Amino acid sequence: MTSLRTFLDRHGNWKARGCAAKIDRMIAAIAPAWLAQLTLRLALAVPFWRSGLGKWDGILELNDVAVLLFTSEFQLQLPGGPYPFPAPAVTAFVVASAEVLLPMFLVLGLATRLVALGLLAMTIVIQFTVPDGWPIHLTWAAMALGVIAGGAGRLSLDHWLVSPAASAG
C-alpha cells in the first residue's frame, strides 16, 4: 500500500488516493488483528499438539515408538555428525511433554510470547534433525515469529490478565 500511496502522492490524484484508502480499510476490516493473532496461535499449535499426542500411551506414559525415535531414528544433522540425542528416554519425555503443554498454553493465549519462543526453539532443533523438512519448518518459524511479534491478541488469557479493565473489576 505504501508504494501506491507514494505513486498517488507524486501524481496528485487525490480522488484515487481516497478510493485506495477506502479499499485498504475495507480489506483490513476482513482480517482484524485479533483474528490474525488467534489464527496464528491455532495454526502453530496444531502440528505440535498432534505430534505430542502421538507420543503418549497414557498419563505420563510414553509409547515405545517415541523412545525408539529418539534412541535410533532422530539424530542432529550438524557438521561432523550426525549426533544422537543425549539421554533419549529423557529427551523423548521432555519433547512429548512440551508438544502437549505448549500448544495448550498457546491456544489459551497464556504466556503466549514465551510459549511461541519455545516452539520456535523446538522448530530449530527439528530443522537440525530433519533438514529436508525446511519448507514446513519455515512455515512454523514464521508463525512463531508472528506470534512473538504480535502477541496473543484480545482473545487470550494474556490480554484478560493484563488489561486495565480486568484489574479494575
C-alpha atoms as a PDB file:
ATOM      1  CA  MET A   1       0.000   0.000   0.000  1.00  0.00           C
ATOM      2  CA  THR A   2       2.911   2.349   0.659  1.00  0.00           C
ATOM      3  CA  SER A   3       4.070   2.248  -2.953  1.00  0.00           C
ATOM      4  CA  LEU A   4       0.520   3.008  -4.159  1.00  0.00           C
ATOM      5  CA  ARG A   5       0.306   5.996  -1.805  1.00  0.00           C
ATOM      6  CA  THR A   6       3.731   7.191  -2.993  1.00  0.00           C
ATOM      7  CA  PHE A   7       2.603   6.948  -6.620  1.00  0.00           C
ATOM      8  CA  LEU A   8      -0.623   8.829  -5.926  1.00  0.00           C
ATOM      9  CA  ASP A   9       1.234  11.493  -3.918  1.00  0.00           C
ATOM     10  CA  ARG A  10       3.631  12.105  -6.798  1.00  0.00           C
ATOM     11  CA  HIS A  11       0.896  12.333  -9.397  1.00  0.00           C
ATOM     12  CA  GLY A  12      -1.567  14.290  -7.283  1.00  0.00           C
ATOM     13  CA  ASN A  13      -4.593  12.115  -7.923  1.00  0.00           C
ATOM     14  CA  TRP A  14      -6.347  12.808  -4.608  1.00  0.00           C
ATOM     15  CA  LYS A  15      -9.629  11.207  -5.628  1.00  0.00           C
ATOM     16  CA  ALA A  16      -7.883   7.922  -6.435  1.00  0.00           C
ATOM     17  CA  ARG A  17      -5.931   8.205  -3.185  1.00  0.00           C
ATOM     18  CA  GLY A  18      -9.158   8.490  -1.178  1.00  0.00           C
ATOM     19  CA  CYS A  19     -10.577   5.491  -3.031  1.00  0.00           C
ATOM     20  CA  ALA A  20      -7.418   3.460  -2.370  1.00  0.00           C
ATOM     21  CA  ALA A  21      -7.582   4.340   1.329  1.00  0.00           C
ATOM     22  CA  LYS A  22     -11.225   3.257   1.471  1.00  0.00           C
ATOM     23  CA  ILE A  23     -10.396  -0.079  -0.199  1.00  0.00           C
ATOM     24  CA  ASP A  24      -7.487  -0.531   2.197  1.00  0.00           C
ATOM     25  CA  ARG A  25      -9.780  -0.011   5.208  1.00  0.00           C
ATOM     26  CA  MET A  26     -12.378  -2.447   3.808  1.00  0.00           C
ATOM     27  CA  ILE A  27      -9.746  -5.138   3.324  1.00  0.00           C
ATOM     28  CA  ALA A  28      -8.318  -4.512   6.801  1.00  0.00           C
ATOM     29  CA  ALA A  29     -11.811  -4.968   8.263  1.00  0.00           C
ATOM     30  CA  ILE A  30     -11.921  -8.510   6.843  1.00  0.00           C
ATOM     31  CA  ALA A  31      -8.864  -9.533   8.877  1.00  0.00           C
ATOM     32  CA  PRO A  32      -8.737  -7.633  12.166  1.00  0.00           C
ATOM     33  CA  ALA A  33      -5.543  -8.049  14.191  1.00  0.00           C
ATOM     34  CA  TRP A  34      -7.227 -10.134  16.906  1.00  0.00           C
ATOM     35  CA  LEU A  35      -8.424 -12.657  14.294  1.00  0.00           C
ATOM     36  CA  ALA A  36      -4.988 -12.895  12.684  1.00  0.00           C
ATOM     37  CA  GLN A  37      -3.354 -13.409  16.086  1.00  0.00           C
ATOM     38  CA  LEU A  38      -5.860 -16.098  17.086  1.00  0.00           C
ATOM     39  CA  THR A  39      -5.447 -17.869  13.740  1.00  0.00           C
ATOM     40  CA  LEU A  40      -1.654 -17.832  14.043  1.00  0.00           C
ATOM     41  CA  ARG A  41      -1.857 -19.269  17.564  1.00  0.00           C
ATOM     42  CA  LEU A  42      -4.198 -22.071  16.489  1.00  0.00           C
ATOM     43  CA  ALA A  43      -2.270 -22.884  13.302  1.00  0.00           C
ATOM     44  CA  LEU A  44       1.029 -23.103  15.177  1.00  0.00           C
ATOM     45  CA  ALA A  45      -0.447 -25.202  17.982  1.00  0.00           C
ATOM     46  CA  VAL A  46      -1.977 -27.930  15.786  1.00  0.00           C
ATOM     47  CA  PRO A  47       1.140 -29.693  14.380  1.00  0.00           C
ATOM     48  CA  PHE A  48       2.906 -29.738  17.737  1.00  0.00           C
ATOM     49  CA  TRP A  49      -0.237 -30.905  19.586  1.00  0.00           C
ATOM     50  CA  ARG A  50      -0.828 -33.748  17.122  1.00  0.00           C
ATOM     51  CA  SER A  51       2.803 -34.825  17.295  1.00  0.00           C
ATOM     52  CA  GLY A  52       2.746 -34.718  21.095  1.00  0.00           C
ATOM     53  CA  LEU A  53      -0.422 -36.777  21.399  1.00  0.00           C
ATOM     54  CA  GLY A  54       1.099 -39.463  19.175  1.00  0.00           C
ATOM     55  CA  LYS A  55       3.929 -39.998  21.650  1.00  0.00           C
ATOM     56  CA  TRP A  56       1.793 -40.985  24.657  1.00  0.00           C
ATOM     57  CA  ASP A  57       0.106 -44.266  25.661  1.00  0.00           C
ATOM     58  CA  GLY A  58      -1.429 -42.892  28.831  1.00  0.00           C
ATOM     59  CA  ILE A  59      -0.917 -40.321  31.540  1.00  0.00           C
ATOM     60  CA  LEU A  60       2.842 -39.800  31.880  1.00  0.00           C
ATOM     61  CA  GLU A  61       3.480 -42.995  29.892  1.00  0.00           C
ATOM     62  CA  LEU A  62       5.379 -42.621  26.637  1.00  0.00           C
ATOM     63  CA  ASN A  63       4.804 -45.165  23.932  1.00  0.00           C
ATOM     64  CA  ASP A  64       7.678 -47.339  22.718  1.00  0.00           C
ATOM     65  CA  VAL A  65       7.803 -45.612  19.336  1.00  0.00           C
ATOM     66  CA  ALA A  66       8.542 -42.211  20.892  1.00  0.00           C
ATOM     67  CA  VAL A  67      11.515 -43.552  22.826  1.00  0.00           C
ATOM     68  CA  LEU A  68      12.695 -45.585  19.806  1.00  0.00           C
ATOM     69  CA  LEU A  69      12.630 -42.462  17.615  1.00  0.00           C
ATOM     70  CA  PHE A  70      14.917 -40.570  19.982  1.00  0.00           C
ATOM     71  CA  THR A  71      17.098 -43.634  20.536  1.00  0.00           C
ATOM     72  CA  SER A  72      17.790 -44.654  16.949  1.00  0.00           C
ATOM     73  CA  GLU A  73      15.984 -42.554  14.323  1.00  0.00           C
ATOM     74  CA  PHE A  74      16.326 -38.909  15.320  1.00  0.00           C
ATOM     75  CA  GLN A  75      19.833 -37.520  15.070  1.00  0.00           C
ATOM     76  CA  LEU A  76      21.107 -33.956  14.973  1.00  0.00           C
ATOM     77  CA  GLN A  77      22.459 -33.250  11.493  1.00  0.00           C
ATOM     78  CA  LEU A  78      25.297 -30.924  12.437  1.00  0.00           C
ATOM     79  CA  PRO A  79      28.783 -30.566  10.918  1.00  0.00           C
ATOM     80  CA  GLY A  80      30.863 -33.595  11.840  1.00  0.00           C
ATOM     81  CA  GLY A  81      27.665 -35.514  12.692  1.00  0.00           C
ATOM     82  CA  PRO A  82      25.083 -36.853  12.779  1.00  0.00           C
ATOM     83  CA  TYR A  83      24.915 -36.825  16.553  1.00  0.00           C
ATOM     84  CA  PRO A  84      22.448 -38.805  18.681  1.00  0.00           C
ATOM     85  CA  PHE A  85      20.215 -37.010  21.150  1.00  0.00           C
ATOM     86  CA  PRO A  86      21.535 -37.204  24.715  1.00  0.00           C
ATOM     87  CA  ALA A  87      19.541 -39.337  27.192  1.00  0.00           C
ATOM     88  CA  PRO A  88      16.978 -40.403  24.572  1.00  0.00           C
ATOM     89  CA  ALA A  89      14.284 -41.513  27.045  1.00  0.00           C
ATOM     90  CA  VAL A  90      14.503 -38.236  28.972  1.00  0.00           C
ATOM     91  CA  THR A  91      14.652 -36.202  25.757  1.00  0.00           C
ATOM     92  CA  ALA A  92      11.582 -38.032  24.406  1.00  0.00           C
ATOM     93  CA  PHE A  93       9.683 -37.327  27.643  1.00  0.00           C
ATOM     94  CA  VAL A  94      10.608 -33.633  27.683  1.00  0.00           C
ATOM     95  CA  VAL A  95       9.779 -33.171  23.991  1.00  0.00           C
ATOM     96  CA  ALA A  96       6.478 -35.066  24.232  1.00  0.00           C
ATOM     97  CA  SER A  97       5.501 -33.037  27.294  1.00  0.00           C
ATOM     98  CA  ALA A  98       6.398 -29.759  25.582  1.00  0.00           C
ATOM     99  CA  GLU A  99       4.488 -30.789  22.443  1.00  0.00           C
ATOM    100  CA  VAL A 100       1.329 -31.196  24.512  1.00  0.00           C
ATOM    101  CA  LEU A 101       1.687 -28.396  27.067  1.00  0.00           C
ATOM    102  CA  LEU A 102       2.990 -25.549  24.880  1.00  0.00           C
ATOM    103  CA  PRO A 103       0.150 -25.802  22.329  1.00  0.00           C
ATOM    104  CA  MET A 104      -2.404 -25.789  25.171  1.00  0.00           C
ATOM    105  CA  PHE A 105      -0.907 -22.574  26.538  1.00  0.00           C
ATOM    106  CA  LEU A 106      -0.762 -21.136  23.026  1.00  0.00           C
ATOM    107  CA  VAL A 107      -4.443 -21.835  22.312  1.00  0.00           C
ATOM    108  CA  LEU A 108      -5.421 -20.320  25.658  1.00  0.00           C
ATOM    109  CA  GLY A 109      -3.162 -17.354  24.994  1.00  0.00           C
ATOM    110  CA  LEU A 110      -1.273 -17.775  28.256  1.00  0.00           C
ATOM    111  CA  ALA A 111       2.412 -16.719  28.362  1.00  0.00           C
ATOM    112  CA  THR A 112       1.978 -16.537  24.611  1.00  0.00           C
ATOM    113  CA  ARG A 113       5.232 -14.906  23.545  1.00  0.00           C
ATOM    114  CA  LEU A 114       7.286 -17.175  25.796  1.00  0.00           C
ATOM    115  CA  VAL A 115       5.440 -20.261  24.506  1.00  0.00           C
ATOM    116  CA  ALA A 116       5.930 -19.169  20.884  1.00  0.00           C
ATOM    117  CA  LEU A 117       9.640 -18.699  21.621  1.00  0.00           C
ATOM    118  CA  GLY A 118       9.741 -22.261  22.976  1.00  0.00           C
ATOM    119  CA  LEU A 119       8.036 -23.584  19.841  1.00  0.00           C
ATOM    120  CA  LEU A 120      10.446 -21.592  17.680  1.00  0.00           C
ATOM    121  CA  ALA A 121      13.372 -23.205  19.541  1.00  0.00           C
ATOM    122  CA  MET A 122      11.798 -26.641  19.027  1.00  0.00           C
ATOM    123  CA  THR A 123      11.361 -25.848  15.329  1.00  0.00           C
ATOM    124  CA  ILE A 124      15.059 -25.007  15.036  1.00  0.00           C
ATOM    125  CA  VAL A 125      16.033 -28.315  16.683  1.00  0.00           C
ATOM    126  CA  ILE A 126      13.575 -30.160  14.430  1.00  0.00           C
ATOM    127  CA  GLN A 127      15.189 -28.472  11.419  1.00  0.00           C
ATOM    128  CA  PHE A 128      18.598 -29.759  12.527  1.00  0.00           C
ATOM    129  CA  THR A 129      17.051 -33.217  12.947  1.00  0.00           C
ATOM    130  CA  VAL A 130      15.091 -33.331   9.670  1.00  0.00           C
ATOM    131  CA  PRO A 131      16.828 -30.872   7.317  1.00  0.00           C
ATOM    132  CA  ASP A 132      14.708 -31.828   4.302  1.00  0.00           C
ATOM    133  CA  GLY A 133      11.589 -30.616   6.098  1.00  0.00           C
ATOM    134  CA  TRP A 134      12.635 -26.973   5.797  1.00  0.00           C
ATOM    135  CA  PRO A 135       9.529 -25.779   3.877  1.00  0.00           C
ATOM    136  CA  ILE A 136       7.171 -26.729   6.704  1.00  0.00           C
ATOM    137  CA  HIS A 137       9.692 -25.751   9.381  1.00  0.00           C
ATOM    138  CA  LEU A 138       9.992 -22.317   7.771  1.00  0.00           C
ATOM    139  CA  THR A 139       6.206 -22.002   7.989  1.00  0.00           C
ATOM    140  CA  TRP A 140       6.247 -22.922  11.689  1.00  0.00           C
ATOM    141  CA  ALA A 141       9.068 -20.450  12.322  1.00  0.00           C
ATOM    142  CA  ALA A 142       7.160 -17.686  10.520  1.00  0.00           C
ATOM    143  CA  MET A 143       4.045 -18.383  12.594  1.00  0.00           C
ATOM    144  CA  ALA A 144       6.055 -18.442  15.836  1.00  0.00           C
ATOM    145  CA  LEU A 145       7.742 -15.154  14.921  1.00  0.00           C
ATOM    146  CA  GLY A 146       4.345 -13.663  14.063  1.00  0.00           C
ATOM    147  CA  VAL A 147       3.001 -14.643  17.476  1.00  0.00           C
ATOM    148  CA  ILE A 148       6.126 -13.329  19.204  1.00  0.00           C
ATOM    149  CA  ALA A 149       5.872 -10.015  17.324  1.00  0.00           C
ATOM    150  CA  GLY A 150       2.108  -9.558  17.615  1.00  0.00           C
ATOM    151  CA  GLY A 151       1.437 -11.120  20.994  1.00  0.00           C
ATOM    152  CA  ALA A 152      -1.648 -13.059  21.946  1.00  0.00           C
ATOM    153  CA  GLY A 153      -4.304 -10.567  20.906  1.00  0.00           C
ATOM    154  CA  ARG A 154      -7.627  -9.700  22.529  1.00  0.00           C
ATOM    155  CA  LEU A 155      -8.959 -13.269  22.638  1.00  0.00           C
ATOM    156  CA  SER A 156      -6.419 -14.570  25.132  1.00  0.00           C
ATOM    157  CA  LEU A 157      -5.799 -15.059  28.808  1.00  0.00           C
ATOM    158  CA  ASP A 158      -2.747 -12.804  28.483  1.00  0.00           C
ATOM    159  CA  HIS A 159      -4.978  -9.920  27.401  1.00  0.00           C
ATOM    160  CA  TRP A 160      -7.529 -10.632  30.116  1.00  0.00           C
ATOM    161  CA  LEU A 161      -4.873 -10.866  32.819  1.00  0.00           C
ATOM    162  CA  VAL A 162      -3.088  -7.617  31.921  1.00  0.00           C
ATOM    163  CA  SER A 163      -5.873  -5.403  30.602  1.00  0.00           C
ATOM    164  CA  PRO A 164      -6.784  -2.416  32.792  1.00  0.00           C
ATOM    165  CA  ALA A 165     -10.487  -3.370  32.767  1.00  0.00           C
ATOM    166  CA  ALA A 166      -9.728  -6.824  34.160  1.00  0.00           C
ATOM    167  CA  SER A 167      -7.593  -5.472  37.005  1.00  0.00           C
ATOM    168  CA  ALA A 168     -10.087  -2.691  37.883  1.00  0.00           C
ATOM    169  CA  GLY A 169     -13.050  -5.062  38.269  1.00  0.00           C
END
